[in-house]
Amino acid sequence: MEIRSSVPLSRDVDALVVPWIDDVATSNEWWEEPAKKWLEANRASEDRAGWAVLGREGRPDLFLVQIARGARPIEESVRQAAGRGVRAAREIGLRSVAVRVPHDAELSVWQAVAEGLVLGDWSYDALRDSKGQHAAPEIRVLCTEGEPMQGATDAVKRGQVLAEAQN
């Protein structure tokens, strides 16, 4: 698991998972306009999560998970969003996934995203036939628009250790 100080602009990761919080100021990133269109088109859907087709070759696929503005605790919401994203990436056979972490996120959010990236892909496979199953994404990235805050690396390591201990 790694931390990057930029949101992927190219296919160096297969998918970008975006926990989308309604009514939060946006920063005009490349994926925001298609995300808004997809969310508007799917307002009536109960699931509130899914792939937004961007129509740009060479850019990562985009997986949106909408989070209600008043969702509390926010850590649990982003943990679930990261988990849903990594599961969805596995289901379609993607090898790498990145989760966007807001640039002003607290350390607890960084930890929660790391936990979600590990826990979201867990399944009991010891007695199952693996035929037809896709392998888990090998590359898992946490990304933000600027430099991650001090302590983010330790928070991610802590989240990874806690999640692996639960398995």
N, C-alpha and C. Protein backbone atom coordinates (compact mmCIF):
# COMPACT_ATOMS: atom_id res chain seq x y z
N MET A 1 0.86 -1.17 0.00
CA MET A 1 0.00 0.00 0.00
C MET A 1 0.90 1.23 0.00
N GLU A 2 0.54 2.21 -0.82
CA GLU A 2 1.38 3.40 -0.90
C GLU A 2 0.52 4.66 -0.87
N ILE A 3 1.18 5.78 -0.60
CA ILE A 3 0.54 7.09 -0.60
C ILE A 3 1.15 7.91 -1.72
N ARG A 4 0.30 8.57 -2.50
CA ARG A 4 0.77 9.46 -3.56
C ARG A 4 0.20 10.85 -3.34
N SER A 5 0.96 11.85 -3.73
CA SER A 5 0.53 13.23 -3.51
C SER A 5 -0.17 13.82 -4.72
N SER A 6 -0.70 12.97 -5.57
CA SER A 6 -1.49 13.46 -6.70
C SER A 6 -2.52 12.41 -7.08
N VAL A 7 -3.64 12.86 -7.59
CA VAL A 7 -4.66 11.96 -8.08
C VAL A 7 -4.21 11.48 -9.46
N PRO A 8 -4.33 10.17 -9.75
CA PRO A 8 -3.81 9.65 -11.02
C PRO A 8 -4.47 10.30 -12.24
N LEU A 9 -3.63 10.71 -13.18
CA LEU A 9 -4.12 11.29 -14.43
C LEU A 9 -3.99 10.31 -15.58
N SER A 10 -3.26 9.24 -15.36
CA SER A 10 -3.04 8.28 -16.43
C SER A 10 -3.36 6.89 -15.92
N ARG A 11 -3.11 5.91 -16.77
CA ARG A 11 -3.45 4.53 -16.44
C ARG A 11 -2.40 3.87 -15.55
N ASP A 12 -1.69 4.63 -14.72
CA ASP A 12 -0.74 3.97 -13.82
C ASP A 12 -1.49 3.22 -12.73
N VAL A 13 -2.77 3.49 -12.54
CA VAL A 13 -3.67 2.63 -11.77
C VAL A 13 -4.90 2.39 -12.64
N ASP A 14 -5.55 1.24 -12.44
CA ASP A 14 -6.70 0.88 -13.27
C ASP A 14 -7.97 1.60 -12.86
N ALA A 15 -8.13 1.88 -11.57
CA ALA A 15 -9.37 2.49 -11.10
C ALA A 15 -9.09 3.50 -10.00
N LEU A 16 -9.90 4.56 -10.00
CA LEU A 16 -9.86 5.57 -8.96
C LEU A 16 -11.18 5.51 -8.21
N VAL A 17 -11.13 5.23 -6.92
CA VAL A 17 -12.33 5.20 -6.08
C VAL A 17 -12.47 6.57 -5.43
N VAL A 18 -13.65 7.16 -5.58
CA VAL A 18 -13.89 8.49 -5.03
C VAL A 18 -15.07 8.43 -4.07
N PRO A 19 -14.82 8.58 -2.77
CA PRO A 19 -15.93 8.77 -1.83
C PRO A 19 -16.47 10.19 -2.05
N TRP A 20 -17.68 10.30 -2.59
CA TRP A 20 -18.25 11.59 -2.98
C TRP A 20 -19.22 12.06 -1.90
N ILE A 21 -18.91 13.19 -1.30
CA ILE A 21 -19.78 13.75 -0.26
C ILE A 21 -20.56 14.90 -0.89
N ASP A 22 -21.89 14.80 -0.87
CA ASP A 22 -22.74 15.84 -1.47
C ASP A 22 -22.48 17.20 -0.85
N ASP A 23 -22.59 18.21 -1.66
CA ASP A 23 -22.51 19.62 -1.24
C ASP A 23 -21.17 20.02 -0.66
N VAL A 24 -20.13 19.27 -0.92
CA VAL A 24 -18.80 19.66 -0.48
C VAL A 24 -18.13 20.37 -1.65
N ALA A 25 -17.42 21.43 -1.36
CA ALA A 25 -16.76 22.19 -2.42
C ALA A 25 -15.85 21.28 -3.23
N THR A 26 -15.87 21.46 -4.54
CA THR A 26 -15.03 20.65 -5.41
C THR A 26 -13.81 21.44 -5.84
N SER A 27 -12.86 20.74 -6.42
CA SER A 27 -11.59 21.39 -6.77
C SER A 27 -11.29 21.33 -8.26
N ASN A 28 -12.32 21.06 -9.08
CA ASN A 28 -12.18 21.03 -10.54
C ASN A 28 -11.16 20.02 -11.04
N GLU A 29 -11.13 18.86 -10.41
CA GLU A 29 -10.26 17.80 -10.90
C GLU A 29 -10.87 17.20 -12.16
N TRP A 30 -10.09 16.47 -12.95
CA TRP A 30 -10.51 15.96 -14.25
C TRP A 30 -11.75 15.08 -14.18
N TRP A 31 -11.99 14.44 -13.08
CA TRP A 31 -13.08 13.48 -12.97
C TRP A 31 -14.36 14.08 -12.42
N GLU A 32 -14.35 15.30 -11.93
CA GLU A 32 -15.51 15.84 -11.22
C GLU A 32 -16.72 16.07 -12.11
N GLU A 33 -16.54 16.61 -13.31
CA GLU A 33 -17.70 16.87 -14.18
C GLU A 33 -18.40 15.58 -14.58
N PRO A 34 -17.68 14.55 -15.08
CA PRO A 34 -18.35 13.29 -15.37
C PRO A 34 -18.99 12.66 -14.13
N ALA A 35 -18.36 12.84 -12.97
CA ALA A 35 -18.92 12.29 -11.74
C ALA A 35 -20.26 12.95 -11.43
N LYS A 36 -20.32 14.26 -11.56
CA LYS A 36 -21.58 14.97 -11.29
C LYS A 36 -22.67 14.52 -12.25
N LYS A 37 -22.33 14.34 -13.52
CA LYS A 37 -23.31 13.88 -14.50
C LYS A 37 -23.82 12.49 -14.16
N TRP A 38 -22.90 11.60 -13.78
CA TRP A 38 -23.30 10.25 -13.43
C TRP A 38 -24.21 10.25 -12.20
N LEU A 39 -23.83 11.02 -11.19
CA LEU A 39 -24.64 11.08 -9.97
C LEU A 39 -26.02 11.65 -10.26
N GLU A 40 -26.10 12.67 -11.09
CA GLU A 40 -27.39 13.26 -11.44
C GLU A 40 -28.26 12.25 -12.18
N ALA A 41 -27.67 11.49 -13.09
CA ALA A 41 -28.41 10.49 -13.86
C ALA A 41 -28.86 9.32 -12.99
N ASN A 42 -28.19 9.10 -11.88
CA ASN A 42 -28.50 7.95 -11.02
C ASN A 42 -29.08 8.37 -9.67
N ARG A 43 -29.64 9.55 -9.58
CA ARG A 43 -30.20 10.05 -8.31
C ARG A 43 -31.24 9.11 -7.72
N ALA A 44 -32.06 8.50 -8.57
CA ALA A 44 -33.15 7.66 -8.07
C ALA A 44 -32.67 6.29 -7.61
N SER A 45 -31.47 5.92 -7.98
CA SER A 45 -30.94 4.60 -7.62
C SER A 45 -30.72 4.50 -6.11
N GLU A 46 -31.07 3.36 -5.55
CA GLU A 46 -30.87 3.16 -4.11
C GLU A 46 -29.41 2.86 -3.79
N ASP A 47 -28.68 2.29 -4.74
CA ASP A 47 -27.32 1.85 -4.47
C ASP A 47 -26.36 3.00 -4.23
N ARG A 48 -26.42 4.05 -5.01
CA ARG A 48 -25.59 5.24 -4.85
C ARG A 48 -24.10 4.95 -4.98
N ALA A 49 -23.76 3.91 -5.70
CA ALA A 49 -22.36 3.60 -5.97
C ALA A 49 -22.29 2.96 -7.34
N GLY A 50 -21.22 3.21 -8.05
CA GLY A 50 -21.07 2.56 -9.34
C GLY A 50 -19.99 3.19 -10.17
N TRP A 51 -19.78 2.60 -11.35
CA TRP A 51 -18.74 3.06 -12.25
C TRP A 51 -19.26 4.20 -13.09
N ALA A 52 -18.47 5.24 -13.24
CA ALA A 52 -18.78 6.34 -14.15
C ALA A 52 -17.86 6.18 -15.36
N VAL A 53 -18.45 6.06 -16.52
CA VAL A 53 -17.66 5.90 -17.73
C VAL A 53 -17.23 7.28 -18.20
N LEU A 54 -15.94 7.48 -18.26
CA LEU A 54 -15.42 8.81 -18.58
C LEU A 54 -15.17 9.00 -20.06
N GLY A 55 -15.06 7.92 -20.80
CA GLY A 55 -14.84 8.03 -22.22
C GLY A 55 -13.48 8.59 -22.61
N ARG A 56 -12.53 8.49 -21.73
CA ARG A 56 -11.19 8.98 -22.02
C ARG A 56 -10.21 7.82 -21.90
N GLU A 57 -9.71 7.41 -23.03
CA GLU A 57 -8.74 6.33 -23.01
C GLU A 57 -7.47 6.80 -22.32
N GLY A 58 -6.88 5.94 -21.56
CA GLY A 58 -5.64 6.30 -20.88
C GLY A 58 -5.86 6.83 -19.48
N ARG A 59 -7.09 7.11 -19.11
CA ARG A 59 -7.39 7.56 -17.75
C ARG A 59 -7.92 6.38 -16.95
N PRO A 60 -7.75 6.40 -15.63
CA PRO A 60 -8.27 5.29 -14.84
C PRO A 60 -9.80 5.26 -14.86
N ASP A 61 -10.38 4.08 -14.69
CA ASP A 61 -11.82 3.98 -14.49
C ASP A 61 -12.16 4.68 -13.19
N LEU A 62 -13.38 5.14 -13.08
CA LEU A 62 -13.80 5.90 -11.90
C LEU A 62 -14.93 5.16 -11.21
N PHE A 63 -14.77 4.89 -9.92
CA PHE A 63 -15.82 4.27 -9.12
C PHE A 63 -16.24 5.26 -8.05
N LEU A 64 -17.50 5.68 -8.11
CA LEU A 64 -18.02 6.66 -7.15
C LEU A 64 -18.80 5.97 -6.06
N VAL A 65 -18.61 6.41 -4.83
CA VAL A 65 -19.42 5.96 -3.71
C VAL A 65 -19.94 7.22 -3.04
N GLN A 66 -21.25 7.43 -3.15
CA GLN A 66 -21.82 8.65 -2.60
C GLN A 66 -22.04 8.49 -1.10
N ILE A 67 -21.61 9.52 -0.36
CA ILE A 67 -21.74 9.54 1.09
C ILE A 67 -22.64 10.72 1.45
N ALA A 68 -23.64 10.47 2.26
CA ALA A 68 -24.54 11.55 2.68
C ALA A 68 -23.76 12.59 3.47
N ARG A 69 -24.10 13.86 3.28
CA ARG A 69 -23.38 14.97 3.93
C ARG A 69 -23.31 14.79 5.44
N GLY A 70 -24.39 14.36 6.06
CA GLY A 70 -24.42 14.24 7.51
C GLY A 70 -23.99 12.87 8.03
N ALA A 71 -23.42 12.05 7.16
CA ALA A 71 -23.02 10.70 7.58
C ALA A 71 -22.00 10.77 8.71
N ARG A 72 -22.28 10.08 9.75
CA ARG A 72 -21.38 10.03 10.90
C ARG A 72 -21.29 8.60 11.38
N PRO A 73 -20.18 8.14 11.81
CA PRO A 73 -18.90 8.82 11.69
C PRO A 73 -18.39 8.75 10.26
N ILE A 74 -17.75 9.77 9.81
CA ILE A 74 -17.25 9.85 8.44
C ILE A 74 -16.21 8.76 8.19
N GLU A 75 -15.47 8.37 9.22
CA GLU A 75 -14.46 7.31 9.06
C GLU A 75 -15.10 6.01 8.60
N GLU A 76 -16.23 5.66 9.17
CA GLU A 76 -16.90 4.42 8.77
C GLU A 76 -17.39 4.52 7.33
N SER A 77 -17.86 5.69 6.94
CA SER A 77 -18.34 5.88 5.56
C SER A 77 -17.20 5.73 4.55
N VAL A 78 -16.04 6.32 4.83
CA VAL A 78 -14.93 6.20 3.88
C VAL A 78 -14.32 4.79 3.93
N ARG A 79 -14.36 4.13 5.07
CA ARG A 79 -13.89 2.74 5.16
C ARG A 79 -14.75 1.86 4.24
N GLN A 80 -16.07 2.04 4.33
CA GLN A 80 -16.97 1.28 3.47
C GLN A 80 -16.79 1.62 2.00
N ALA A 81 -16.57 2.90 1.71
CA ALA A 81 -16.36 3.32 0.32
C ALA A 81 -15.11 2.67 -0.26
N ALA A 82 -14.02 2.67 0.48
CA ALA A 82 -12.78 2.04 0.01
C ALA A 82 -12.99 0.54 -0.19
N GLY A 83 -13.70 -0.08 0.74
CA GLY A 83 -13.98 -1.51 0.63
C GLY A 83 -14.82 -1.85 -0.59
N ARG A 84 -15.86 -1.04 -0.83
CA ARG A 84 -16.70 -1.28 -2.00
C ARG A 84 -15.91 -1.11 -3.28
N GLY A 85 -15.04 -0.12 -3.29
CA GLY A 85 -14.23 0.13 -4.48
C GLY A 85 -13.28 -1.01 -4.80
N VAL A 86 -12.59 -1.52 -3.79
CA VAL A 86 -11.62 -2.60 -4.03
C VAL A 86 -12.35 -3.89 -4.41
N ARG A 87 -13.53 -4.14 -3.83
CA ARG A 87 -14.33 -5.31 -4.22
C ARG A 87 -14.79 -5.20 -5.67
N ALA A 88 -15.26 -4.01 -6.05
CA ALA A 88 -15.72 -3.80 -7.42
C ALA A 88 -14.57 -3.97 -8.41
N ALA A 89 -13.40 -3.47 -8.05
CA ALA A 89 -12.23 -3.61 -8.92
C ALA A 89 -11.87 -5.08 -9.10
N ARG A 90 -11.96 -5.85 -8.03
CA ARG A 90 -11.65 -7.28 -8.13
C ARG A 90 -12.67 -7.99 -9.00
N GLU A 91 -13.94 -7.64 -8.84
CA GLU A 91 -14.99 -8.32 -9.59
C GLU A 91 -14.82 -8.18 -11.09
N ILE A 92 -14.23 -7.09 -11.55
CA ILE A 92 -14.04 -6.94 -12.99
C ILE A 92 -12.60 -7.19 -13.42
N GLY A 93 -11.78 -7.67 -12.49
CA GLY A 93 -10.44 -8.12 -12.84
C GLY A 93 -9.38 -7.04 -12.94
N LEU A 94 -9.57 -5.91 -12.28
CA LEU A 94 -8.56 -4.86 -12.31
C LEU A 94 -7.41 -5.21 -11.38
N ARG A 95 -6.20 -4.80 -11.75
CA ARG A 95 -5.00 -5.17 -10.98
C ARG A 95 -4.56 -4.09 -10.01
N SER A 96 -5.07 -2.87 -10.15
CA SER A 96 -4.64 -1.79 -9.25
C SER A 96 -5.80 -0.85 -8.99
N VAL A 97 -5.80 -0.27 -7.80
CA VAL A 97 -6.88 0.63 -7.40
C VAL A 97 -6.30 1.73 -6.52
N ALA A 98 -6.81 2.93 -6.71
CA ALA A 98 -6.42 4.07 -5.87
C ALA A 98 -7.68 4.63 -5.23
N VAL A 99 -7.57 5.12 -4.02
CA VAL A 99 -8.68 5.77 -3.34
C VAL A 99 -8.29 7.21 -3.08
N ARG A 100 -9.16 8.12 -3.47
CA ARG A 100 -8.89 9.54 -3.25
C ARG A 100 -9.24 9.90 -1.81
N VAL A 101 -8.28 10.49 -1.14
CA VAL A 101 -8.47 10.96 0.24
C VAL A 101 -8.50 12.49 0.17
N PRO A 102 -9.53 13.14 0.75
CA PRO A 102 -9.57 14.60 0.71
C PRO A 102 -8.29 15.20 1.29
N HIS A 103 -7.81 16.29 0.70
CA HIS A 103 -6.53 16.87 1.12
C HIS A 103 -6.54 17.34 2.56
N ASP A 104 -7.70 17.64 3.10
CA ASP A 104 -7.78 18.13 4.48
C ASP A 104 -8.25 17.05 5.46
N ALA A 105 -8.19 15.78 5.03
CA ALA A 105 -8.69 14.68 5.87
C ALA A 105 -7.84 14.51 7.12
N GLU A 106 -8.51 14.17 8.20
CA GLU A 106 -7.81 13.90 9.46
C GLU A 106 -7.12 12.54 9.37
N LEU A 107 -6.20 12.30 10.28
CA LEU A 107 -5.46 11.03 10.28
C LEU A 107 -6.38 9.83 10.43
N SER A 108 -7.48 9.98 11.16
CA SER A 108 -8.42 8.88 11.34
C SER A 108 -9.05 8.47 10.00
N VAL A 109 -9.22 9.42 9.09
CA VAL A 109 -9.77 9.10 7.76
C VAL A 109 -8.73 8.33 6.94
N TRP A 110 -7.47 8.74 7.00
CA TRP A 110 -6.40 8.00 6.32
C TRP A 110 -6.37 6.55 6.81
N GLN A 111 -6.46 6.37 8.13
CA GLN A 111 -6.45 5.03 8.70
C GLN A 111 -7.66 4.23 8.22
N ALA A 112 -8.82 4.86 8.21
CA ALA A 112 -10.05 4.18 7.80
C ALA A 112 -9.99 3.73 6.34
N VAL A 113 -9.44 4.56 5.46
CA VAL A 113 -9.31 4.18 4.05
C VAL A 113 -8.39 2.97 3.92
N ALA A 114 -7.28 2.96 4.64
CA ALA A 114 -6.36 1.82 4.60
C ALA A 114 -7.07 0.55 5.09
N GLU A 115 -7.84 0.66 6.16
CA GLU A 115 -8.59 -0.49 6.66
C GLU A 115 -9.56 -0.99 5.59
N GLY A 116 -10.26 -0.07 4.94
CA GLY A 116 -11.22 -0.45 3.90
C GLY A 116 -10.57 -1.15 2.73
N LEU A 117 -9.38 -0.70 2.35
CA LEU A 117 -8.67 -1.33 1.23
C LEU A 117 -8.28 -2.77 1.55
N VAL A 118 -8.02 -3.07 2.80
CA VAL A 118 -7.67 -4.44 3.20
C VAL A 118 -8.93 -5.26 3.46
N LEU A 119 -9.82 -4.74 4.29
CA LEU A 119 -11.01 -5.50 4.69
C LEU A 119 -12.01 -5.69 3.55
N GLY A 120 -12.09 -4.72 2.65
CA GLY A 120 -13.08 -4.78 1.59
C GLY A 120 -12.88 -5.94 0.64
N ASP A 121 -11.71 -6.47 0.58
CA ASP A 121 -11.42 -7.54 -0.35
C ASP A 121 -11.33 -8.90 0.33
N TRP A 122 -11.55 -8.95 1.61
CA TRP A 122 -11.40 -10.21 2.33
C TRP A 122 -12.58 -11.12 2.04
N SER A 123 -12.30 -12.39 1.86
CA SER A 123 -13.34 -13.41 1.78
C SER A 123 -12.72 -14.73 2.20
N TYR A 124 -13.55 -15.59 2.75
CA TYR A 124 -13.07 -16.90 3.18
C TYR A 124 -13.00 -17.80 1.96
N ASP A 125 -11.81 -18.12 1.52
CA ASP A 125 -11.62 -18.88 0.29
C ASP A 125 -10.97 -20.24 0.50
N ALA A 126 -10.70 -20.61 1.74
CA ALA A 126 -9.93 -21.83 2.00
C ALA A 126 -10.59 -23.08 1.41
N LEU A 127 -11.91 -23.15 1.44
CA LEU A 127 -12.60 -24.35 0.98
C LEU A 127 -13.32 -24.13 -0.35
N ARG A 128 -13.05 -23.03 -1.02
CA ARG A 128 -13.74 -22.72 -2.27
C ARG A 128 -12.86 -23.02 -3.48
N ASP A 129 -13.53 -23.31 -4.56
CA ASP A 129 -12.85 -23.47 -5.84
C ASP A 129 -12.61 -22.08 -6.41
N SER A 130 -11.41 -21.77 -6.78
CA SER A 130 -11.08 -20.43 -7.25
C SER A 130 -11.29 -20.25 -8.75
N LYS A 131 -11.84 -21.26 -9.43
CA LYS A 131 -12.08 -21.14 -10.87
C LYS A 131 -13.03 -19.99 -11.14
N GLY A 132 -12.66 -19.18 -12.12
CA GLY A 132 -13.52 -18.07 -12.50
C GLY A 132 -13.41 -16.85 -11.60
N GLN A 133 -12.61 -16.95 -10.55
CA GLN A 133 -12.44 -15.81 -9.64
C GLN A 133 -11.29 -14.94 -10.11
N HIS A 134 -11.46 -13.64 -10.00
CA HIS A 134 -10.38 -12.72 -10.33
C HIS A 134 -9.47 -12.57 -9.12
N ALA A 135 -8.21 -12.36 -9.37
CA ALA A 135 -7.26 -12.11 -8.28
C ALA A 135 -7.52 -10.72 -7.70
N ALA A 136 -7.15 -10.56 -6.46
CA ALA A 136 -7.31 -9.26 -5.80
C ALA A 136 -6.37 -8.25 -6.44
N PRO A 137 -6.76 -6.98 -6.48
CA PRO A 137 -5.84 -5.96 -6.98
C PRO A 137 -4.54 -5.97 -6.19
N GLU A 138 -3.41 -5.99 -6.89
CA GLU A 138 -2.11 -6.06 -6.23
C GLU A 138 -1.64 -4.70 -5.73
N ILE A 139 -1.97 -3.66 -6.47
CA ILE A 139 -1.50 -2.32 -6.12
C ILE A 139 -2.66 -1.54 -5.52
N ARG A 140 -2.44 -1.04 -4.32
CA ARG A 140 -3.46 -0.25 -3.63
C ARG A 140 -2.83 1.06 -3.20
N VAL A 141 -3.45 2.15 -3.63
CA VAL A 141 -2.86 3.47 -3.45
C VAL A 141 -3.86 4.39 -2.75
N LEU A 142 -3.36 5.21 -1.85
CA LEU A 142 -4.15 6.29 -1.28
C LEU A 142 -3.59 7.56 -1.89
N CYS A 143 -4.44 8.40 -2.45
CA CYS A 143 -3.94 9.60 -3.11
C CYS A 143 -4.71 10.83 -2.65
N THR A 144 -4.06 11.96 -2.73
CA THR A 144 -4.64 13.23 -2.34
C THR A 144 -4.12 14.30 -3.28
N GLU A 145 -4.78 15.48 -3.28
CA GLU A 145 -4.38 16.52 -4.24
C GLU A 145 -3.03 17.13 -3.93
N GLY A 146 -2.65 17.23 -2.68
CA GLY A 146 -1.39 17.84 -2.31
C GLY A 146 -0.55 16.87 -1.51
N GLU A 147 0.38 17.40 -0.77
CA GLU A 147 1.20 16.56 0.09
C GLU A 147 0.33 16.03 1.24
N PRO A 148 0.44 14.74 1.56
CA PRO A 148 -0.32 14.20 2.69
C PRO A 148 0.13 14.86 3.99
N MET A 149 -0.79 14.98 4.92
CA MET A 149 -0.45 15.61 6.19
C MET A 149 0.55 14.77 6.97
N GLN A 150 1.25 15.41 7.85
CA GLN A 150 2.23 14.71 8.68
C GLN A 150 1.51 13.64 9.50
N GLY A 151 2.06 12.45 9.50
CA GLY A 151 1.47 11.34 10.24
C GLY A 151 0.59 10.45 9.39
N ALA A 152 0.33 10.83 8.13
CA ALA A 152 -0.54 10.02 7.27
C ALA A 152 0.05 8.63 7.03
N THR A 153 1.35 8.56 6.83
CA THR A 153 1.99 7.26 6.58
C THR A 153 1.80 6.34 7.77
N ASP A 154 1.99 6.85 8.98
CA ASP A 154 1.80 6.04 10.18
C ASP A 154 0.34 5.62 10.33
N ALA A 155 -0.59 6.51 10.01
CA ALA A 155 -2.02 6.19 10.11
C ALA A 155 -2.39 5.09 9.12
N VAL A 156 -1.83 5.14 7.92
CA VAL A 156 -2.10 4.11 6.92
C VAL A 156 -1.52 2.76 7.37
N LYS A 157 -0.31 2.77 7.89
CA LYS A 157 0.30 1.53 8.40
C LYS A 157 -0.54 0.95 9.54
N ARG A 158 -0.99 1.81 10.44
CA ARG A 158 -1.82 1.36 11.56
C ARG A 158 -3.13 0.75 11.04
N GLY A 159 -3.75 1.39 10.07
CA GLY A 159 -4.99 0.86 9.50
C GLY A 159 -4.78 -0.47 8.83
N GLN A 160 -3.68 -0.62 8.13
CA GLN A 160 -3.37 -1.88 7.45
C GLN A 160 -3.15 -2.99 8.47
N VAL A 161 -2.40 -2.71 9.51
CA VAL A 161 -2.13 -3.72 10.55
C VAL A 161 -3.42 -4.12 11.26
N LEU A 162 -4.24 -3.14 11.62
CA LEU A 162 -5.51 -3.45 12.29
C LEU A 162 -6.41 -4.30 11.41
N ALA A 163 -6.50 -3.96 10.14
CA ALA A 163 -7.36 -4.72 9.23
C ALA A 163 -6.83 -6.13 9.02
N GLU A 164 -5.53 -6.27 8.85
CA GLU A 164 -4.96 -7.61 8.65
C GLU A 164 -5.12 -8.47 9.90
N ALA A 165 -5.11 -7.84 11.07
CA ALA A 165 -5.28 -8.59 12.32
C ALA A 165 -6.71 -9.13 12.46
N GLN A 166 -7.66 -8.50 11.79
CA GLN A 166 -9.05 -8.95 11.86
C GLN A 166 -9.31 -10.14 10.97
N ASN A 167 -8.42 -10.37 10.02
CA ASN A 167 -8.63 -11.48 9.08
C ASN A 167 -8.10 -12.75 9.67
